[in-house]
């Protein structure tokens, strides 16, 4: 088995090893930021901090196919526009009663 010479050592590996040793030294001294597996885990759903005072509720509603096609044809945000239209309709109904 031949010994490795300095020329055969990958400079990226040397840099990685140096950075790793510095990180270990910092951790041993209580410095730096340690990331746990739980912090790394990818979370699904909305990011934290985007919770509204009145969050929307998931529901099922049935539309005629032509109506649904027309709504979707308006592009992204069609569900929000339907929600806004329904909010206006409800406000008018409450105003008239």
N, C-alpha and C. Protein backbone atom coordinates (compact mmCIF):
# COMPACT_ATOMS: atom_id res chain seq x y z
N UNK A 1 0.83 -1.18 0.00
CA UNK A 1 0.00 0.00 0.00
C UNK A 1 0.88 1.25 0.00
N UNK A 2 0.61 2.17 -0.89
CA UNK A 2 1.44 3.37 -0.99
C UNK A 2 0.89 4.48 -0.10
N UNK A 3 1.78 5.28 0.41
CA UNK A 3 1.37 6.43 1.23
C UNK A 3 0.92 7.56 0.32
N UNK A 4 -0.05 8.31 0.80
CA UNK A 4 -0.51 9.46 0.03
C UNK A 4 0.47 10.60 0.19
N UNK A 5 0.71 11.28 -0.88
CA UNK A 5 1.55 12.47 -0.81
C UNK A 5 0.64 13.69 -0.76
N UNK A 6 1.19 14.80 -0.37
CA UNK A 6 0.38 16.02 -0.29
C UNK A 6 -0.22 16.38 -1.64
N UNK A 7 0.49 16.05 -2.73
CA UNK A 7 -0.02 16.40 -4.05
C UNK A 7 -1.26 15.58 -4.41
N UNK A 8 -1.40 14.38 -3.88
CA UNK A 8 -2.54 13.54 -4.24
C UNK A 8 -3.77 13.80 -3.39
N UNK A 9 -3.65 14.67 -2.39
CA UNK A 9 -4.79 14.98 -1.53
C UNK A 9 -5.66 16.03 -2.20
N UNK A 10 -6.95 15.78 -2.23
CA UNK A 10 -7.91 16.69 -2.84
C UNK A 10 -8.02 17.96 -1.99
N UNK A 11 -7.78 19.14 -2.59
CA UNK A 11 -7.84 20.38 -1.81
C UNK A 11 -9.24 20.65 -1.23
N UNK A 12 -10.29 20.20 -1.93
CA UNK A 12 -11.64 20.38 -1.40
C UNK A 12 -11.84 19.57 -0.13
N UNK A 13 -11.28 18.38 -0.10
CA UNK A 13 -11.38 17.54 1.10
C UNK A 13 -10.62 18.15 2.26
N UNK A 14 -9.47 18.75 1.98
CA UNK A 14 -8.68 19.41 3.03
C UNK A 14 -9.49 20.57 3.59
N UNK A 15 -10.10 21.37 2.72
CA UNK A 15 -10.91 22.50 3.17
C UNK A 15 -12.11 22.02 3.97
N UNK A 16 -12.75 20.93 3.51
CA UNK A 16 -13.90 20.38 4.22
C UNK A 16 -13.49 19.90 5.60
N UNK A 17 -12.38 19.20 5.67
CA UNK A 17 -11.90 18.68 6.96
C UNK A 17 -11.59 19.82 7.91
N UNK A 18 -10.94 20.89 7.41
CA UNK A 18 -10.64 22.04 8.27
C UNK A 18 -11.92 22.69 8.79
N UNK A 19 -12.92 22.85 7.91
CA UNK A 19 -14.19 23.46 8.33
C UNK A 19 -14.90 22.57 9.34
N UNK A 20 -14.86 21.27 9.11
CA UNK A 20 -15.50 20.34 10.04
C UNK A 20 -14.84 20.39 11.41
N UNK A 21 -13.53 20.42 11.44
CA UNK A 21 -12.83 20.49 12.72
C UNK A 21 -13.12 21.81 13.44
N UNK A 22 -13.21 22.91 12.70
CA UNK A 22 -13.57 24.20 13.32
C UNK A 22 -14.96 24.12 13.92
N UNK A 23 -15.90 23.50 13.19
CA UNK A 23 -17.27 23.37 13.68
C UNK A 23 -17.33 22.55 14.95
N UNK A 24 -16.57 21.47 14.99
CA UNK A 24 -16.53 20.62 16.19
C UNK A 24 -15.95 21.41 17.36
N UNK A 25 -14.88 22.17 17.10
CA UNK A 25 -14.29 22.99 18.16
C UNK A 25 -15.31 24.01 18.69
N UNK A 26 -16.04 24.65 17.78
CA UNK A 26 -17.05 25.63 18.20
C UNK A 26 -18.14 24.96 19.03
N UNK A 27 -18.58 23.79 18.59
CA UNK A 27 -19.63 23.08 19.33
C UNK A 27 -19.15 22.69 20.71
N UNK A 28 -17.91 22.24 20.80
CA UNK A 28 -17.36 21.85 22.10
C UNK A 28 -17.25 23.04 23.06
N UNK A 29 -17.06 24.23 22.49
CA UNK A 29 -16.94 25.44 23.31
C UNK A 29 -18.29 26.12 23.52
N UNK A 30 -19.35 25.54 22.98
CA UNK A 30 -20.68 26.11 23.15
C UNK A 30 -20.95 27.27 22.22
N UNK A 31 -20.16 27.40 21.19
CA UNK A 31 -20.35 28.49 20.23
C UNK A 31 -21.04 27.97 18.98
N UNK A 32 -21.43 28.88 18.14
CA UNK A 32 -22.01 28.48 16.87
C UNK A 32 -23.43 28.00 17.03
N UNK A 33 -24.01 27.59 15.91
CA UNK A 33 -25.39 27.12 15.91
C UNK A 33 -25.40 25.64 15.57
N UNK A 34 -26.06 24.89 16.40
CA UNK A 34 -26.18 23.46 16.16
C UNK A 34 -27.58 23.20 15.63
N UNK A 35 -27.66 22.49 14.53
CA UNK A 35 -28.94 22.19 13.92
C UNK A 35 -29.29 20.74 14.20
N UNK A 36 -30.50 20.53 14.72
CA UNK A 36 -30.94 19.17 15.02
C UNK A 36 -31.69 18.60 13.82
N UNK A 37 -31.91 17.31 13.83
CA UNK A 37 -32.64 16.66 12.75
C UNK A 37 -34.05 17.21 12.63
N UNK A 38 -34.67 17.56 13.76
CA UNK A 38 -36.02 18.11 13.74
C UNK A 38 -36.06 19.47 13.05
N UNK A 39 -35.00 20.26 13.23
CA UNK A 39 -34.94 21.56 12.59
C UNK A 39 -34.72 21.44 11.09
N UNK A 40 -34.06 20.38 10.68
CA UNK A 40 -33.77 20.18 9.27
C UNK A 40 -34.98 19.61 8.54
N UNK A 41 -35.80 18.85 9.24
CA UNK A 41 -36.94 18.17 8.61
C UNK A 41 -37.81 19.17 7.85
N UNK A 42 -38.21 18.77 6.66
CA UNK A 42 -39.05 19.61 5.82
C UNK A 42 -40.47 19.49 6.32
N UNK A 43 -41.09 20.63 6.55
CA UNK A 43 -42.46 20.64 7.03
C UNK A 43 -43.39 20.97 5.87
N UNK A 44 -44.52 20.29 5.86
CA UNK A 44 -45.51 20.54 4.82
C UNK A 44 -46.50 21.59 5.31
N UNK A 45 -47.16 22.21 4.36
CA UNK A 45 -48.20 23.18 4.70
C UNK A 45 -47.67 24.59 4.72
N UNK A 46 -48.45 25.47 5.30
CA UNK A 46 -48.09 26.88 5.34
C UNK A 46 -46.90 27.11 6.27
N UNK A 47 -46.06 28.07 5.92
CA UNK A 47 -44.95 28.39 6.81
C UNK A 47 -45.46 28.98 8.12
N UNK A 48 -44.69 28.83 9.16
CA UNK A 48 -45.07 29.39 10.45
C UNK A 48 -45.18 30.90 10.34
N UNK A 49 -46.12 31.47 11.06
CA UNK A 49 -46.27 32.91 11.08
C UNK A 49 -47.28 33.43 10.07
N UNK A 50 -47.86 32.55 9.27
CA UNK A 50 -48.81 33.03 8.27
C UNK A 50 -50.25 32.70 8.67
N UNK A 51 -50.48 32.51 9.95
CA UNK A 51 -51.81 32.16 10.45
C UNK A 51 -52.62 33.44 10.59
N UNK A 52 -53.79 33.44 9.97
CA UNK A 52 -54.66 34.61 10.03
C UNK A 52 -55.58 34.51 11.23
N UNK A 53 -56.13 35.65 11.63
CA UNK A 53 -57.07 35.67 12.76
C UNK A 53 -58.30 34.82 12.43
N UNK A 54 -58.76 34.87 11.18
CA UNK A 54 -59.89 34.06 10.75
C UNK A 54 -59.41 33.18 9.59
N UNK A 55 -58.84 32.04 9.89
CA UNK A 55 -58.32 31.19 8.81
C UNK A 55 -59.44 30.64 7.95
N UNK A 56 -59.11 30.37 6.71
CA UNK A 56 -60.10 29.78 5.81
C UNK A 56 -60.32 28.32 6.18
N UNK A 57 -61.51 27.84 5.86
CA UNK A 57 -61.89 26.47 6.19
C UNK A 57 -62.06 25.69 4.90
N UNK A 58 -61.50 24.52 4.85
CA UNK A 58 -61.64 23.67 3.67
C UNK A 58 -63.04 23.08 3.63
N UNK A 59 -63.63 23.08 2.45
CA UNK A 59 -64.97 22.53 2.27
C UNK A 59 -65.09 21.96 0.87
N UNK A 60 -66.20 21.33 0.60
CA UNK A 60 -66.46 20.81 -0.73
C UNK A 60 -67.71 21.48 -1.25
N UNK A 61 -67.64 21.95 -2.49
CA UNK A 61 -68.80 22.56 -3.13
C UNK A 61 -68.86 22.01 -4.54
N UNK A 62 -70.07 21.80 -5.02
CA UNK A 62 -70.24 21.20 -6.35
C UNK A 62 -70.71 22.28 -7.32
N UNK A 63 -69.99 22.41 -8.42
CA UNK A 63 -70.33 23.35 -9.49
C UNK A 63 -70.67 22.55 -10.75
N UNK A 64 -71.48 23.14 -11.62
CA UNK A 64 -71.65 22.57 -12.95
C UNK A 64 -70.30 22.65 -13.65
N UNK A 65 -70.03 21.70 -14.52
CA UNK A 65 -68.73 21.64 -15.17
C UNK A 65 -68.40 22.92 -15.94
N UNK A 66 -69.39 23.49 -16.64
CA UNK A 66 -69.12 24.70 -17.42
C UNK A 66 -68.77 25.88 -16.52
N UNK A 67 -69.40 25.95 -15.35
CA UNK A 67 -69.11 27.02 -14.40
C UNK A 67 -67.68 26.85 -13.86
N UNK A 68 -67.34 25.65 -13.48
CA UNK A 68 -66.00 25.39 -12.96
C UNK A 68 -64.94 25.68 -14.02
N UNK A 69 -65.18 25.25 -15.25
CA UNK A 69 -64.23 25.52 -16.33
C UNK A 69 -64.03 27.01 -16.53
N UNK A 70 -65.13 27.77 -16.48
CA UNK A 70 -65.04 29.23 -16.66
C UNK A 70 -64.25 29.87 -15.52
N UNK A 71 -64.48 29.40 -14.29
CA UNK A 71 -63.74 29.95 -13.14
C UNK A 71 -62.26 29.66 -13.26
N UNK A 72 -61.91 28.41 -13.58
CA UNK A 72 -60.50 28.03 -13.70
C UNK A 72 -59.82 28.74 -14.87
N UNK A 73 -60.60 29.07 -15.91
CA UNK A 73 -60.04 29.75 -17.08
C UNK A 73 -59.58 31.17 -16.74
N UNK A 74 -60.04 31.71 -15.61
CA UNK A 74 -59.61 33.06 -15.21
C UNK A 74 -58.20 33.06 -14.65
N UNK A 75 -57.62 31.88 -14.47
CA UNK A 75 -56.22 31.79 -14.04
C UNK A 75 -56.05 31.56 -12.56
N UNK A 76 -54.78 31.65 -12.15
CA UNK A 76 -54.44 31.43 -10.75
C UNK A 76 -55.21 32.40 -9.86
N UNK A 77 -55.60 31.92 -8.69
CA UNK A 77 -56.33 32.75 -7.74
C UNK A 77 -57.83 32.70 -7.92
N UNK A 78 -58.30 31.78 -8.76
CA UNK A 78 -59.74 31.72 -9.02
C UNK A 78 -60.52 31.40 -7.76
N UNK A 79 -59.97 30.57 -6.88
CA UNK A 79 -60.69 30.24 -5.65
C UNK A 79 -60.81 31.46 -4.74
N UNK A 80 -59.78 32.28 -4.69
CA UNK A 80 -59.84 33.50 -3.89
C UNK A 80 -60.88 34.46 -4.47
N UNK A 81 -60.94 34.54 -5.81
CA UNK A 81 -61.95 35.41 -6.43
C UNK A 81 -63.36 34.90 -6.15
N UNK A 82 -63.56 33.59 -6.16
CA UNK A 82 -64.87 33.04 -5.82
C UNK A 82 -65.20 33.37 -4.37
N UNK A 83 -64.22 33.25 -3.49
CA UNK A 83 -64.44 33.58 -2.07
C UNK A 83 -64.85 35.04 -1.92
N UNK A 84 -64.17 35.94 -2.64
CA UNK A 84 -64.49 37.36 -2.57
C UNK A 84 -65.90 37.64 -3.10
N UNK A 85 -66.25 36.97 -4.20
CA UNK A 85 -67.59 37.15 -4.78
C UNK A 85 -68.66 36.66 -3.81
N UNK A 86 -68.40 35.55 -3.15
CA UNK A 86 -69.37 35.02 -2.18
C UNK A 86 -69.47 35.96 -0.97
N UNK A 87 -68.35 36.54 -0.55
CA UNK A 87 -68.37 37.48 0.57
C UNK A 87 -69.24 38.69 0.21
N UNK A 88 -69.10 39.21 -1.01
CA UNK A 88 -69.93 40.34 -1.46
C UNK A 88 -71.40 39.94 -1.50
N UNK A 89 -71.71 38.75 -2.00
CA UNK A 89 -73.09 38.29 -2.09
C UNK A 89 -73.70 38.18 -0.69
N UNK A 90 -72.95 37.59 0.25
CA UNK A 90 -73.45 37.46 1.62
C UNK A 90 -73.70 38.84 2.23
N UNK A 91 -72.80 39.78 2.00
CA UNK A 91 -72.96 41.13 2.56
C UNK A 91 -74.22 41.79 2.00
N UNK A 92 -74.46 41.63 0.70
CA UNK A 92 -75.67 42.21 0.10
C UNK A 92 -76.93 41.55 0.67
N UNK A 93 -76.90 40.23 0.88
CA UNK A 93 -78.06 39.52 1.44
C UNK A 93 -78.37 40.00 2.85
N UNK A 94 -77.32 40.19 3.64
CA UNK A 94 -77.52 40.65 5.01
C UNK A 94 -78.03 42.09 5.04
N UNK A 95 -77.57 42.89 4.08
CA UNK A 95 -77.99 44.29 4.00
C UNK A 95 -79.46 44.39 3.61
N UNK A 96 -79.92 43.50 2.73
CA UNK A 96 -81.31 43.53 2.25
C UNK A 96 -82.29 42.93 3.25
N UNK A 97 -81.82 42.19 4.20
CA UNK A 97 -82.74 41.53 5.17
C UNK A 97 -82.80 42.27 6.46
